[in-house]
Every structure is written in structure tokens, then in C-alpha cells.
Amino acid sequence: MKNQFLLIVLLTCAILGSGVGLAYTEHTNRQMFIQLQKLQAERDTLEVEWELLQLEQSTLVTDAAVEEVARTRLNMRTPDPGEVLYITPP
């Protein structure tokens, strides 16, 4: 009789423990899934930003863009043909 009661108590504790473990596992799973979705959204945003930066870089390295920056920021100009000195090898 005492053994049966002990067995019932032990099985009840095991069932309750597995139920609590299952609830904890599901909760952790949901939290990780939410975090995964946030990270995927951040990844997508960063990919779009990366593509925009690559596009901007490709437009900034064109000859026209470099010339525009040289003229506006550095106040450079194309020299007159009379100002150009040609050095010939001896």
C-alpha cells in the first residue's frame, strides 16, 4: 500500500515535471523564433543598404563624378594648353 502511494506520487511528479518542461521549451522556442524573425528583417534591411552603397560607390567612381568633385570641392580646373609642359626623356 505504501509502495503504491509512493509510486503514484513519483509518477505525478514526473508528469508535472514533464509538463513544466514542455511549457518552458515551447516558451523558449517562441522567443527564439521571434528573435530569428527580427534578425532576418535586420539582415534584409542591411542587404538593401549594402546594395544602395554599392550603387552609390559605382556612381562616385565614374570620371564625371570625380571631375565634378575636383572642380567643386578642390577648385581644380583643366589647364590651358599653353600651361602644359611636356617633359621628354633625354
Protein backbone atom coordinates (compact mmCIF):
# COMPACT_ATOMS: atom_id res chain seq x y z
CA MET A 1 0.00 0.00 0.00
CA LYS A 2 2.79 2.41 0.93
CA ASN A 3 4.71 1.40 -2.20
CA GLN A 4 1.71 2.14 -4.41
CA PHE A 5 1.24 5.57 -2.83
CA LEU A 6 4.92 6.35 -3.32
CA LEU A 7 4.69 5.20 -6.95
CA ILE A 8 1.64 7.41 -7.56
CA VAL A 9 3.38 10.43 -6.01
CA LEU A 10 6.51 9.75 -8.05
CA LEU A 11 4.54 9.38 -11.32
CA THR A 12 2.53 12.53 -10.56
CA CYS A 13 5.75 14.50 -10.01
CA ALA A 14 7.18 13.10 -13.23
CA ILE A 15 4.07 14.12 -15.20
CA LEU A 16 4.04 17.61 -13.68
CA GLY A 17 7.77 17.97 -14.31
CA SER A 18 7.44 16.97 -17.95
CA GLY A 19 4.51 19.40 -18.36
CA VAL A 20 6.53 22.27 -16.89
CA GLY A 21 9.49 21.28 -19.07
CA LEU A 22 7.29 21.24 -22.15
CA ALA A 23 5.85 24.69 -21.35
CA TYR A 24 9.36 26.08 -20.78
CA THR A 25 10.62 24.56 -24.03
CA GLU A 26 7.69 25.99 -26.02
CA HIS A 27 8.21 29.43 -24.45
CA THR A 28 11.92 29.37 -25.28
CA ASN A 29 11.12 28.19 -28.80
CA ARG A 30 8.72 31.10 -29.36
CA GLN A 31 11.24 33.61 -28.05
CA MET A 32 13.94 32.26 -30.33
CA PHE A 33 11.58 32.29 -33.32
CA ILE A 34 10.71 35.94 -32.65
CA GLN A 35 14.41 36.77 -32.38
CA LEU A 36 15.05 34.90 -35.65
CA GLN A 37 12.39 36.94 -37.42
CA LYS A 38 13.87 40.20 -36.10
CA LEU A 39 17.35 39.18 -37.23
CA GLN A 40 16.06 38.19 -40.67
CA ALA A 41 14.34 41.57 -41.02
CA GLU A 42 17.56 43.30 -39.97
CA ARG A 43 19.50 41.19 -42.49
CA ASP A 44 17.10 42.21 -45.25
CA THR A 45 17.46 45.88 -44.31
CA LEU A 46 21.24 45.61 -44.30
CA GLU A 47 21.22 43.87 -47.69
CA VAL A 48 19.18 46.71 -49.19
CA GLU A 49 21.52 49.26 -47.61
CA TRP A 50 24.55 47.35 -48.95
CA GLU A 51 23.11 47.35 -52.47
CA LEU A 52 22.46 51.10 -52.25
CA LEU A 53 26.02 51.70 -51.05
CA GLN A 54 27.41 49.62 -53.90
CA LEU A 55 25.31 51.60 -56.38
CA GLU A 56 26.46 54.88 -54.84
CA GLN A 57 30.08 53.75 -54.97
CA SER A 58 29.77 52.78 -58.61
CA THR A 59 28.40 56.23 -59.47
CA LEU A 60 31.02 58.07 -57.40
CA VAL A 61 33.97 56.48 -59.17
CA THR A 62 32.89 57.48 -62.66
CA ASP A 63 35.09 60.04 -64.41
CA ALA A 64 32.33 62.64 -64.43
CA ALA A 65 31.76 62.34 -60.69
CA VAL A 66 35.48 62.58 -59.91
CA GLU A 67 35.79 65.61 -62.16
CA GLU A 68 32.79 67.27 -60.52
CA VAL A 69 34.26 66.77 -57.04
CA ALA A 70 37.63 68.08 -58.21
CA ARG A 71 36.03 71.21 -59.63
CA THR A 72 33.66 71.99 -56.74
CA ARG A 73 35.50 70.88 -53.61
CA LEU A 74 39.12 71.27 -54.63
CA ASN A 75 38.70 74.22 -57.01
CA MET A 76 40.68 72.42 -59.68
CA ARG A 77 40.45 73.27 -63.34
CA THR A 78 41.67 71.94 -66.63
CA PRO A 79 44.89 73.77 -67.58
CA ASP A 80 45.14 75.73 -70.77
CA PRO A 81 47.22 74.04 -73.46
CA GLY A 82 49.88 76.76 -73.12
CA GLU A 83 50.33 75.97 -69.41
CA VAL A 84 51.10 72.29 -70.00
CA LEU A 85 54.79 71.35 -70.02
CA TYR A 86 55.85 68.19 -71.73
CA ILE A 87 58.99 66.53 -70.47
CA THR A 88 60.85 64.40 -72.95
CA PRO A 89 63.38 61.80 -71.96
CA PRO A 90 67.00 62.80 -72.59
